[in-house]
Amino acid sequence: MDKVTFAVKISPKVREKLKKFCVGHGFKQGYFVEKAIEEKLAQTEKMEDILELKKLETQESQAISFEEYLKKRSV
């Protein structure tokens, strides 16, 4: 798998905590940060999906059945 360099600025305190955690748990820092980013992205997408679902629930009473929709479209 191809890899790219992605530089970010973090506080020295966070950097030290990351270093100690990764050494203590046997993780490579790059791997840990990559997985943390993936996890946060997935969590955020899930929250956005939940909010969208909540928004759509308010419109559910206006929904029609799929069969009725097809009839209106003459399909």
N, C-alpha and C. Protein backbone atom coordinates (compact mmCIF):
# COMPACT_ATOMS: atom_id res chain seq x y z
N MET A 1 0.83 -1.16 0.00
CA MET A 1 0.00 0.00 0.00
C MET A 1 0.89 1.24 0.00
N ASP A 2 0.50 2.22 -0.82
CA ASP A 2 1.26 3.46 -0.87
C ASP A 2 1.02 4.29 0.38
N LYS A 3 2.01 5.02 0.77
CA LYS A 3 1.92 5.89 1.94
C LYS A 3 2.35 7.29 1.53
N VAL A 4 1.81 8.29 2.19
CA VAL A 4 2.21 9.68 1.98
C VAL A 4 2.57 10.28 3.33
N THR A 5 3.37 11.32 3.30
CA THR A 5 3.71 12.03 4.52
C THR A 5 2.67 13.11 4.75
N PHE A 6 2.21 13.19 5.98
CA PHE A 6 1.18 14.17 6.35
C PHE A 6 1.64 14.83 7.64
N ALA A 7 2.12 16.05 7.52
CA ALA A 7 2.66 16.74 8.69
C ALA A 7 1.59 17.59 9.35
N VAL A 8 1.49 17.49 10.66
CA VAL A 8 0.57 18.32 11.43
C VAL A 8 1.33 18.88 12.63
N LYS A 9 0.84 19.99 13.13
CA LYS A 9 1.44 20.58 14.33
C LYS A 9 0.56 20.21 15.51
N ILE A 10 1.19 19.62 16.52
CA ILE A 10 0.50 19.29 17.77
C ILE A 10 1.33 19.81 18.93
N SER A 11 0.69 19.91 20.06
CA SER A 11 1.42 20.43 21.23
C SER A 11 2.45 19.40 21.69
N PRO A 12 3.53 19.88 22.28
CA PRO A 12 4.55 18.95 22.80
C PRO A 12 3.97 17.97 23.83
N LYS A 13 2.99 18.43 24.60
CA LYS A 13 2.36 17.57 25.60
C LYS A 13 1.64 16.38 24.94
N VAL A 14 0.88 16.67 23.89
CA VAL A 14 0.18 15.61 23.17
C VAL A 14 1.18 14.69 22.48
N ARG A 15 2.22 15.26 21.92
CA ARG A 15 3.26 14.47 21.24
C ARG A 15 3.91 13.49 22.22
N GLU A 16 4.20 13.95 23.41
CA GLU A 16 4.84 13.09 24.41
C GLU A 16 3.88 11.99 24.87
N LYS A 17 2.61 12.34 25.06
CA LYS A 17 1.61 11.34 25.45
C LYS A 17 1.46 10.27 24.36
N LEU A 18 1.45 10.71 23.10
CA LEU A 18 1.36 9.78 21.98
C LEU A 18 2.56 8.84 21.96
N LYS A 19 3.72 9.42 22.10
CA LYS A 19 4.96 8.63 22.08
C LYS A 19 4.96 7.58 23.19
N LYS A 20 4.65 8.01 24.43
CA LYS A 20 4.64 7.08 25.56
C LYS A 20 3.58 5.99 25.37
N PHE A 21 2.42 6.38 24.89
CA PHE A 21 1.34 5.41 24.69
C PHE A 21 1.75 4.36 23.66
N CYS A 22 2.28 4.82 22.54
CA CYS A 22 2.65 3.89 21.47
C CYS A 22 3.78 2.96 21.89
N VAL A 23 4.77 3.50 22.58
CA VAL A 23 5.87 2.66 23.07
C VAL A 23 5.33 1.65 24.08
N GLY A 24 4.50 2.12 24.98
CA GLY A 24 3.95 1.25 26.02
C GLY A 24 3.02 0.16 25.50
N HIS A 25 2.37 0.40 24.36
CA HIS A 25 1.43 -0.57 23.81
C HIS A 25 1.94 -1.27 22.56
N GLY A 26 3.16 -0.96 22.16
CA GLY A 26 3.77 -1.63 21.03
C GLY A 26 3.21 -1.21 19.68
N PHE A 27 2.71 0.01 19.59
CA PHE A 27 2.20 0.53 18.32
C PHE A 27 3.26 1.38 17.65
N LYS A 28 3.25 1.38 16.33
CA LYS A 28 4.01 2.37 15.59
C LYS A 28 3.15 3.62 15.58
N GLN A 29 3.78 4.77 15.75
CA GLN A 29 3.02 6.01 15.86
C GLN A 29 2.21 6.31 14.59
N GLY A 30 2.80 6.08 13.44
CA GLY A 30 2.10 6.33 12.19
C GLY A 30 0.85 5.48 12.06
N TYR A 31 0.97 4.20 12.44
CA TYR A 31 -0.17 3.29 12.39
C TYR A 31 -1.26 3.75 13.35
N PHE A 32 -0.86 4.11 14.56
CA PHE A 32 -1.83 4.53 15.57
C PHE A 32 -2.58 5.78 15.12
N VAL A 33 -1.85 6.77 14.61
CA VAL A 33 -2.47 8.02 14.18
C VAL A 33 -3.40 7.76 12.99
N GLU A 34 -2.96 6.93 12.05
CA GLU A 34 -3.81 6.61 10.89
C GLU A 34 -5.11 5.96 11.34
N LYS A 35 -5.04 4.99 12.24
CA LYS A 35 -6.24 4.31 12.73
C LYS A 35 -7.13 5.27 13.51
N ALA A 36 -6.53 6.17 14.28
CA ALA A 36 -7.31 7.14 15.04
C ALA A 36 -8.07 8.08 14.10
N ILE A 37 -7.43 8.50 13.03
CA ILE A 37 -8.09 9.36 12.05
C ILE A 37 -9.24 8.61 11.37
N GLU A 38 -8.98 7.37 10.96
CA GLU A 38 -10.03 6.56 10.34
C GLU A 38 -11.22 6.39 11.28
N GLU A 39 -10.94 6.12 12.54
CA GLU A 39 -12.00 5.91 13.52
C GLU A 39 -12.81 7.19 13.73
N LYS A 40 -12.14 8.32 13.82
CA LYS A 40 -12.83 9.59 14.02
C LYS A 40 -13.68 9.95 12.80
N LEU A 41 -13.16 9.70 11.60
CA LEU A 41 -13.93 9.96 10.39
C LEU A 41 -15.19 9.09 10.35
N ALA A 42 -15.04 7.81 10.66
CA ALA A 42 -16.20 6.91 10.67
C ALA A 42 -17.22 7.34 11.71
N GLN A 43 -16.74 7.74 12.88
CA GLN A 43 -17.64 8.19 13.96
C GLN A 43 -18.40 9.44 13.52
N THR A 44 -17.71 10.37 12.90
CA THR A 44 -18.34 11.61 12.45
C THR A 44 -19.36 11.34 11.35
N GLU A 45 -19.02 10.45 10.41
CA GLU A 45 -19.96 10.09 9.35
C GLU A 45 -21.21 9.43 9.94
N LYS A 46 -21.02 8.59 10.93
CA LYS A 46 -22.15 7.92 11.58
C LYS A 46 -23.05 8.95 12.26
N MET A 47 -22.46 9.92 12.94
CA MET A 47 -23.25 10.96 13.59
C MET A 47 -24.02 11.79 12.57
N GLU A 48 -23.39 12.08 11.43
CA GLU A 48 -24.07 12.82 10.37
C GLU A 48 -25.24 12.01 9.82
N ASP A 49 -25.04 10.70 9.66
CA ASP A 49 -26.12 9.82 9.20
C ASP A 49 -27.29 9.81 10.19
N ILE A 50 -26.97 9.75 11.47
CA ILE A 50 -28.01 9.73 12.51
C ILE A 50 -28.79 11.04 12.49
N LEU A 51 -28.10 12.17 12.35
CA LEU A 51 -28.77 13.46 12.29
C LEU A 51 -29.66 13.55 11.05
N GLU A 52 -29.18 13.03 9.93
CA GLU A 52 -29.98 13.04 8.70
C GLU A 52 -31.22 12.17 8.87
N LEU A 53 -31.06 11.02 9.50
CA LEU A 53 -32.19 10.12 9.76
C LEU A 53 -33.22 10.80 10.66
N LYS A 54 -32.76 11.47 11.69
CA LYS A 54 -33.67 12.20 12.59
C LYS A 54 -34.44 13.26 11.81
N LYS A 55 -33.75 13.94 10.92
CA LYS A 55 -34.38 14.97 10.11
C LYS A 55 -35.46 14.35 9.20
N LEU A 56 -35.14 13.22 8.62
CA LEU A 56 -36.08 12.56 7.72
C LEU A 56 -37.27 11.96 8.46
N GLU A 57 -37.08 11.58 9.72
CA GLU A 57 -38.18 11.02 10.51
C GLU A 57 -39.33 12.01 10.63
N THR A 58 -39.02 13.30 10.66
CA THR A 58 -40.07 14.30 10.77
C THR A 58 -40.90 14.38 9.49
N GLN A 59 -40.36 13.90 8.37
CA GLN A 59 -41.06 13.93 7.09
C GLN A 59 -41.74 12.60 6.78
N GLU A 60 -41.54 11.62 7.64
CA GLU A 60 -42.04 10.27 7.37
C GLU A 60 -43.56 10.24 7.20
N SER A 61 -44.28 11.07 7.93
CA SER A 61 -45.74 11.07 7.84
C SER A 61 -46.22 11.49 6.45
N GLN A 62 -45.40 12.18 5.70
CA GLN A 62 -45.75 12.62 4.36
C GLN A 62 -45.37 11.62 3.28
N ALA A 63 -44.70 10.56 3.67
CA ALA A 63 -44.21 9.57 2.70
C ALA A 63 -45.35 8.74 2.14
N ILE A 64 -45.16 8.27 0.89
CA ILE A 64 -46.12 7.37 0.26
C ILE A 64 -45.43 6.05 0.00
N SER A 65 -46.20 5.02 -0.22
CA SER A 65 -45.60 3.70 -0.46
C SER A 65 -44.89 3.71 -1.82
N PHE A 66 -43.98 2.79 -1.98
CA PHE A 66 -43.23 2.69 -3.23
C PHE A 66 -44.17 2.35 -4.38
N GLU A 67 -45.14 1.48 -4.13
CA GLU A 67 -46.10 1.10 -5.16
C GLU A 67 -46.91 2.32 -5.63
N GLU A 68 -47.33 3.14 -4.66
CA GLU A 68 -48.07 4.35 -4.99
C GLU A 68 -47.20 5.31 -5.81
N TYR A 69 -45.94 5.41 -5.44
CA TYR A 69 -45.02 6.24 -6.18
C TYR A 69 -44.89 5.78 -7.63
N LEU A 70 -44.77 4.46 -7.81
CA LEU A 70 -44.64 3.92 -9.15
C LEU A 70 -45.89 4.18 -9.98
N LYS A 71 -47.06 4.07 -9.36
CA LYS A 71 -48.31 4.36 -10.07
C LYS A 71 -48.35 5.82 -10.54
N LYS A 72 -47.94 6.71 -9.68
CA LYS A 72 -47.93 8.13 -10.04
C LYS A 72 -46.95 8.40 -11.19
N ARG A 73 -45.90 7.61 -11.26
CA ARG A 73 -44.91 7.76 -12.32
C ARG A 73 -45.27 6.97 -13.56
N SER A 74 -46.39 6.24 -13.51
CA SER A 74 -46.86 5.39 -14.62
C SER A 74 -45.84 4.34 -15.01
N VAL A 75 -45.28 3.73 -14.01
CA VAL A 75 -44.26 2.69 -14.25
C VAL A 75 -44.89 1.33 -14.07
